[in-house]
Amino acid sequence: MRILYWIISIPLAILIAIFAVSNRALVTLSLWPLPYEIDMPLFLPIMVALLIGLGIGLTYEWFVHGKHRRAVKRMDSELRRLRPDETGSDISNDHKVISQQKAS
């Protein structure tokens, strides 16, 4: 999984750097009802808009999946409450089963 992360993120970082270098022309950003104008490179407002959209999307998904996270946490605590004697003994049981399989 870590290799997949690097396979995707390195080319994406290279593409973002190429985009930023090739769009260095200054544009004037006018904040319409206000009397302000800001000159900045073209890539900057585009990147800021993408990051704001990413943040809004991640926040929305976090809130939507919150009920699922709570349900999983509740089920996990209930499972631990119902089976307290089996915590940590799975590893030793696995070793016993493997030893028995090797013996036969």
Protein backbone atom coordinates (compact mmCIF):
# COMPACT_ATOMS: atom_id res chain seq x y z
CA MET A 1 0.00 0.00 0.00
CA ARG A 2 2.89 2.34 0.76
CA ILE A 3 4.36 1.69 -2.69
CA LEU A 4 1.03 2.60 -4.31
CA TYR A 5 1.04 5.85 -2.34
CA TRP A 6 4.47 6.78 -3.73
CA ILE A 7 3.56 5.65 -7.26
CA ILE A 8 0.64 8.07 -7.22
CA SER A 9 2.05 10.96 -5.18
CA ILE A 10 5.40 11.43 -6.94
CA PRO A 11 3.93 11.91 -10.45
CA LEU A 12 1.17 14.08 -8.97
CA ALA A 13 3.74 16.30 -7.24
CA ILE A 14 5.70 16.57 -10.50
CA LEU A 15 2.53 17.56 -12.39
CA ILE A 16 1.67 20.20 -9.77
CA ALA A 17 5.19 21.64 -9.99
CA ILE A 18 5.03 21.74 -13.80
CA PHE A 19 1.60 23.41 -13.62
CA ALA A 20 2.90 26.03 -11.19
CA VAL A 21 6.00 26.80 -13.27
CA SER A 22 4.10 27.05 -16.53
CA ASN A 23 1.38 29.36 -15.09
CA ARG A 24 3.48 32.08 -13.51
CA ALA A 25 1.84 34.96 -15.39
CA LEU A 26 0.35 37.58 -13.11
CA VAL A 27 -3.40 37.94 -12.94
CA THR A 28 -5.41 40.53 -11.11
CA LEU A 29 -7.86 39.11 -8.60
CA SER A 30 -10.62 41.60 -7.95
CA LEU A 31 -12.64 41.20 -4.78
CA TRP A 32 -15.73 42.74 -6.34
CA PRO A 33 -17.83 44.41 -3.67
CA LEU A 34 -14.65 45.50 -1.96
CA PRO A 35 -12.34 48.00 -3.62
CA TYR A 36 -9.36 45.63 -3.44
CA GLU A 37 -7.35 44.11 -6.27
CA ILE A 38 -4.54 41.63 -5.78
CA ASP A 39 -1.91 40.70 -8.37
CA MET A 40 -0.75 37.11 -8.05
CA PRO A 41 0.52 34.25 -10.20
CA LEU A 42 -2.23 32.36 -12.04
CA PHE A 43 -1.50 29.03 -10.37
CA LEU A 44 -2.07 30.45 -6.88
CA PRO A 45 -5.85 31.10 -7.03
CA ILE A 46 -6.34 27.79 -8.87
CA MET A 47 -4.43 25.85 -6.21
CA VAL A 48 -6.20 27.66 -3.38
CA ALA A 49 -9.60 26.87 -4.93
CA LEU A 50 -8.63 23.19 -5.29
CA LEU A 51 -7.44 23.02 -1.68
CA ILE A 52 -10.62 24.69 -0.41
CA GLY A 53 -12.71 22.19 -2.40
CA LEU A 54 -10.65 19.31 -1.04
CA GLY A 55 -11.11 20.57 2.51
CA ILE A 56 -14.87 20.95 2.07
CA GLY A 57 -15.15 17.46 0.58
CA LEU A 58 -13.06 15.83 3.32
CA THR A 59 -15.03 17.61 6.04
CA TYR A 60 -18.33 16.52 4.49
CA GLU A 61 -17.21 12.89 4.26
CA TRP A 62 -15.92 12.98 7.83
CA PHE A 63 -19.32 14.15 9.09
CA VAL A 64 -21.25 11.69 6.91
CA HIS A 65 -19.20 8.70 8.05
CA GLY A 66 -19.22 9.77 11.70
CA LYS A 67 -22.26 7.63 12.49
CA HIS A 68 -20.51 4.60 11.00
CA ARG A 69 -17.38 5.23 13.07
CA ARG A 70 -19.51 5.51 16.22
CA ALA A 71 -21.32 2.27 15.37
CA VAL A 72 -18.02 0.44 14.84
CA LYS A 73 -16.67 1.78 18.11
CA ARG A 74 -19.85 0.74 19.92
CA MET A 75 -19.74 -2.76 18.40
CA ASP A 76 -16.08 -3.13 19.26
CA SER A 77 -16.63 -2.17 22.90
CA GLU A 78 -19.61 -4.52 23.10
CA LEU A 79 -17.54 -7.35 21.63
CA ARG A 80 -14.79 -6.73 24.17
CA ARG A 81 -17.35 -6.67 26.96
CA LEU A 82 -18.85 -10.00 25.85
CA ARG A 83 -15.51 -11.76 25.32
CA PRO A 84 -13.00 -10.28 27.81
CA ASP A 85 -11.10 -13.55 28.30
CA GLU A 86 -10.00 -13.82 24.66
CA THR A 87 -8.04 -10.58 24.42
CA GLY A 88 -4.44 -11.27 23.54
CA SER A 89 -4.80 -15.05 23.55
CA ASP A 90 -5.39 -15.21 19.79
CA ILE A 91 -1.67 -15.19 19.11
CA SER A 92 -0.93 -18.11 21.41
CA ASN A 93 -3.92 -20.04 20.01
CA ASP A 94 -2.63 -19.44 16.49
CA HIS A 95 0.77 -20.81 17.46
CA LYS A 96 -0.87 -23.90 18.95
CA VAL A 97 -2.89 -24.52 15.81
CA ILE A 98 0.17 -24.11 13.58
CA SER A 99 2.17 -26.48 15.80
CA GLN A 100 -0.61 -29.06 15.62
CA GLN A 101 -0.81 -28.76 11.83
CA LYS A 102 2.94 -29.23 11.47
CA ALA A 103 2.84 -32.31 13.71
CA SER A 104 0.19 -34.03 11.61
